[in-house]
Amino acid sequence: PGSANDQGYVTSVCFSPTLDQWIGLALVERGRERIGEIVHAHDPLRGEDYDVELCNPVFYDPDGGRQRG
């Protein structure tokens, strides 16, 4: 990790019981163009690296079917 490799930053992370996995929000350079790409994220608090997939921020029920029942 380092500023030469920085492509953005994670703004929040939480566990999704609906998806049964961790999800996060991030601001990523050219993010919309890179949907589907796997990038490396570094957690400076734990000193660990993770592979993460860039996806559309509206990835669950994008058509709103569950919302409208």
N, C-alpha and C. Protein backbone atom coordinates (compact mmCIF):
# COMPACT_ATOMS: atom_id res chain seq x y z
N PRO A 1 0.82 -1.20 0.00
CA PRO A 1 0.00 0.00 0.00
C PRO A 1 0.85 1.25 0.00
N GLY A 2 0.33 2.26 -0.61
CA GLY A 2 1.04 3.53 -0.66
C GLY A 2 0.36 4.47 -1.61
N SER A 3 0.69 5.73 -1.51
CA SER A 3 -0.01 6.72 -2.32
C SER A 3 0.18 6.51 -3.81
N ALA A 4 1.28 5.90 -4.23
CA ALA A 4 1.49 5.64 -5.65
C ALA A 4 0.48 4.63 -6.18
N ASN A 5 -0.03 3.76 -5.31
CA ASN A 5 -0.98 2.72 -5.72
C ASN A 5 -2.43 3.10 -5.43
N ASP A 6 -2.65 4.19 -4.72
CA ASP A 6 -4.01 4.55 -4.32
C ASP A 6 -4.91 4.80 -5.52
N GLN A 7 -6.11 4.21 -5.47
CA GLN A 7 -7.11 4.40 -6.51
C GLN A 7 -8.40 4.94 -5.92
N GLY A 8 -8.41 5.15 -4.61
CA GLY A 8 -9.60 5.63 -3.92
C GLY A 8 -9.53 5.23 -2.47
N TYR A 9 -10.70 5.27 -1.83
CA TYR A 9 -10.72 4.87 -0.42
C TYR A 9 -12.10 4.36 -0.03
N VAL A 10 -12.09 3.48 0.96
CA VAL A 10 -13.32 2.89 1.49
C VAL A 10 -13.92 3.88 2.48
N THR A 11 -15.22 4.13 2.34
CA THR A 11 -15.90 5.06 3.24
C THR A 11 -16.64 4.35 4.36
N SER A 12 -17.11 3.12 4.12
CA SER A 12 -17.79 2.36 5.17
C SER A 12 -17.83 0.88 4.81
N VAL A 13 -17.93 0.06 5.84
CA VAL A 13 -17.99 -1.40 5.68
C VAL A 13 -18.94 -1.96 6.72
N CYS A 14 -19.71 -2.97 6.35
CA CYS A 14 -20.55 -3.66 7.33
C CYS A 14 -20.87 -5.06 6.80
N PHE A 15 -21.37 -5.91 7.68
CA PHE A 15 -21.78 -7.25 7.28
C PHE A 15 -23.24 -7.21 6.85
N SER A 16 -23.54 -7.85 5.71
CA SER A 16 -24.90 -7.92 5.21
C SER A 16 -25.49 -9.30 5.52
N PRO A 17 -26.45 -9.38 6.45
CA PRO A 17 -27.09 -10.67 6.71
C PRO A 17 -27.89 -11.17 5.50
N THR A 18 -28.41 -10.26 4.71
CA THR A 18 -29.17 -10.65 3.52
C THR A 18 -28.28 -11.36 2.50
N LEU A 19 -27.08 -10.82 2.29
CA LEU A 19 -26.14 -11.42 1.34
C LEU A 19 -25.19 -12.41 2.00
N ASP A 20 -25.16 -12.43 3.33
CA ASP A 20 -24.28 -13.30 4.11
C ASP A 20 -22.80 -13.07 3.75
N GLN A 21 -22.45 -11.81 3.61
CA GLN A 21 -21.05 -11.44 3.34
C GLN A 21 -20.83 -9.98 3.69
N TRP A 22 -19.57 -9.60 3.74
CA TRP A 22 -19.22 -8.21 4.01
C TRP A 22 -19.41 -7.37 2.76
N ILE A 23 -19.89 -6.14 2.93
CA ILE A 23 -20.04 -5.20 1.83
C ILE A 23 -19.43 -3.87 2.26
N GLY A 24 -19.04 -3.08 1.30
CA GLY A 24 -18.47 -1.77 1.62
C GLY A 24 -18.81 -0.75 0.56
N LEU A 25 -18.70 0.48 0.93
CA LEU A 25 -18.84 1.60 0.00
C LEU A 25 -17.48 2.25 -0.14
N ALA A 26 -17.14 2.64 -1.36
CA ALA A 26 -15.84 3.25 -1.59
C ALA A 26 -15.95 4.29 -2.69
N LEU A 27 -15.08 5.24 -2.65
CA LEU A 27 -14.91 6.20 -3.74
C LEU A 27 -13.66 5.77 -4.49
N VAL A 28 -13.86 5.36 -5.75
CA VAL A 28 -12.78 4.77 -6.53
C VAL A 28 -12.61 5.55 -7.83
N GLU A 29 -11.37 5.80 -8.18
CA GLU A 29 -11.06 6.50 -9.42
C GLU A 29 -11.66 5.75 -10.62
N ARG A 30 -12.47 6.45 -11.43
CA ARG A 30 -13.14 5.87 -12.60
C ARG A 30 -13.97 4.63 -12.22
N GLY A 31 -14.61 4.67 -11.06
CA GLY A 31 -15.32 3.51 -10.52
C GLY A 31 -16.40 2.95 -11.44
N ARG A 32 -17.22 3.81 -12.02
CA ARG A 32 -18.31 3.32 -12.90
C ARG A 32 -17.76 2.57 -14.11
N GLU A 33 -16.61 2.98 -14.60
CA GLU A 33 -16.00 2.31 -15.76
C GLU A 33 -15.41 0.96 -15.38
N ARG A 34 -15.23 0.72 -14.10
CA ARG A 34 -14.47 -0.45 -13.64
C ARG A 34 -15.33 -1.50 -12.96
N ILE A 35 -16.65 -1.40 -13.11
CA ILE A 35 -17.54 -2.37 -12.48
C ILE A 35 -17.17 -3.78 -12.94
N GLY A 36 -17.05 -4.69 -11.97
CA GLY A 36 -16.66 -6.07 -12.25
C GLY A 36 -15.19 -6.34 -12.03
N GLU A 37 -14.39 -5.30 -11.93
CA GLU A 37 -12.95 -5.44 -11.74
C GLU A 37 -12.64 -5.83 -10.29
N ILE A 38 -11.64 -6.68 -10.12
CA ILE A 38 -11.16 -7.05 -8.79
C ILE A 38 -9.96 -6.16 -8.48
N VAL A 39 -10.00 -5.50 -7.32
CA VAL A 39 -8.90 -4.64 -6.89
C VAL A 39 -8.48 -5.05 -5.48
N HIS A 40 -7.33 -4.57 -5.06
CA HIS A 40 -6.81 -4.88 -3.73
C HIS A 40 -7.14 -3.73 -2.79
N ALA A 41 -7.63 -4.07 -1.61
CA ALA A 41 -7.89 -3.08 -0.57
C ALA A 41 -7.00 -3.40 0.62
N HIS A 42 -6.49 -2.37 1.25
CA HIS A 42 -5.62 -2.54 2.42
C HIS A 42 -6.31 -1.99 3.65
N ASP A 43 -6.31 -2.77 4.72
CA ASP A 43 -6.86 -2.34 6.01
C ASP A 43 -5.70 -1.96 6.91
N PRO A 44 -5.44 -0.66 7.08
CA PRO A 44 -4.29 -0.24 7.88
C PRO A 44 -4.45 -0.55 9.37
N LEU A 45 -5.67 -0.68 9.86
CA LEU A 45 -5.87 -1.00 11.27
C LEU A 45 -5.48 -2.43 11.60
N ARG A 46 -5.79 -3.34 10.69
CA ARG A 46 -5.48 -4.75 10.90
C ARG A 46 -4.22 -5.19 10.17
N GLY A 47 -3.73 -4.32 9.29
CA GLY A 47 -2.54 -4.67 8.51
C GLY A 47 -2.78 -5.80 7.53
N GLU A 48 -4.00 -5.89 7.00
CA GLU A 48 -4.35 -6.97 6.08
C GLU A 48 -4.77 -6.41 4.73
N ASP A 49 -4.61 -7.25 3.71
CA ASP A 49 -5.02 -6.90 2.35
C ASP A 49 -6.17 -7.81 1.93
N TYR A 50 -7.05 -7.28 1.10
CA TYR A 50 -8.22 -8.02 0.63
C TYR A 50 -8.40 -7.78 -0.86
N ASP A 51 -8.88 -8.81 -1.56
CA ASP A 51 -9.33 -8.64 -2.94
C ASP A 51 -10.82 -8.30 -2.87
N VAL A 52 -11.21 -7.24 -3.55
CA VAL A 52 -12.60 -6.81 -3.54
C VAL A 52 -13.08 -6.59 -4.97
N GLU A 53 -14.36 -6.83 -5.21
CA GLU A 53 -14.94 -6.61 -6.53
C GLU A 53 -15.67 -5.28 -6.56
N LEU A 54 -15.38 -4.48 -7.57
CA LEU A 54 -16.09 -3.22 -7.76
C LEU A 54 -17.44 -3.53 -8.41
N CYS A 55 -18.50 -3.03 -7.82
CA CYS A 55 -19.83 -3.30 -8.36
C CYS A 55 -20.67 -2.03 -8.30
N ASN A 56 -21.82 -2.10 -8.94
CA ASN A 56 -22.76 -0.99 -8.91
C ASN A 56 -23.20 -0.78 -7.46
N PRO A 57 -23.28 0.45 -6.98
CA PRO A 57 -23.71 0.66 -5.60
C PRO A 57 -25.15 0.21 -5.33
N VAL A 58 -25.95 0.08 -6.38
CA VAL A 58 -27.31 -0.46 -6.24
C VAL A 58 -27.26 -1.90 -6.76
N PHE A 59 -26.76 -2.80 -5.92
CA PHE A 59 -26.55 -4.19 -6.35
C PHE A 59 -27.63 -5.13 -5.84
N TYR A 60 -28.42 -4.71 -4.87
CA TYR A 60 -29.49 -5.55 -4.33
C TYR A 60 -30.83 -4.95 -4.74
N ASP A 61 -31.62 -5.70 -5.46
CA ASP A 61 -32.93 -5.25 -5.92
C ASP A 61 -32.84 -3.96 -6.74
N PRO A 62 -32.03 -3.94 -7.79
CA PRO A 62 -31.85 -2.71 -8.58
C PRO A 62 -33.13 -2.23 -9.26
N ASP A 63 -34.08 -3.13 -9.51
CA ASP A 63 -35.33 -2.72 -10.16
C ASP A 63 -36.39 -2.28 -9.16
N GLY A 64 -36.13 -2.44 -7.86
CA GLY A 64 -37.07 -2.00 -6.83
C GLY A 64 -38.24 -2.93 -6.60
N GLY A 65 -38.18 -4.16 -7.08
CA GLY A 65 -39.28 -5.10 -6.92
C GLY A 65 -39.61 -5.41 -5.47
N ARG A 66 -38.61 -5.58 -4.64
CA ARG A 66 -38.86 -5.87 -3.22
C ARG A 66 -39.44 -4.65 -2.52
N GLN A 67 -39.02 -3.48 -2.93
CA GLN A 67 -39.51 -2.25 -2.31
C GLN A 67 -41.01 -2.08 -2.56
N ARG A 68 -41.44 -2.41 -3.78
CA ARG A 68 -42.84 -2.23 -4.16
C ARG A 68 -43.69 -3.46 -3.85
N GLY A 69 -43.03 -4.53 -3.36
CA GLY A 69 -43.73 -5.74 -2.93
C GLY A 69 -44.42 -6.43 -4.04
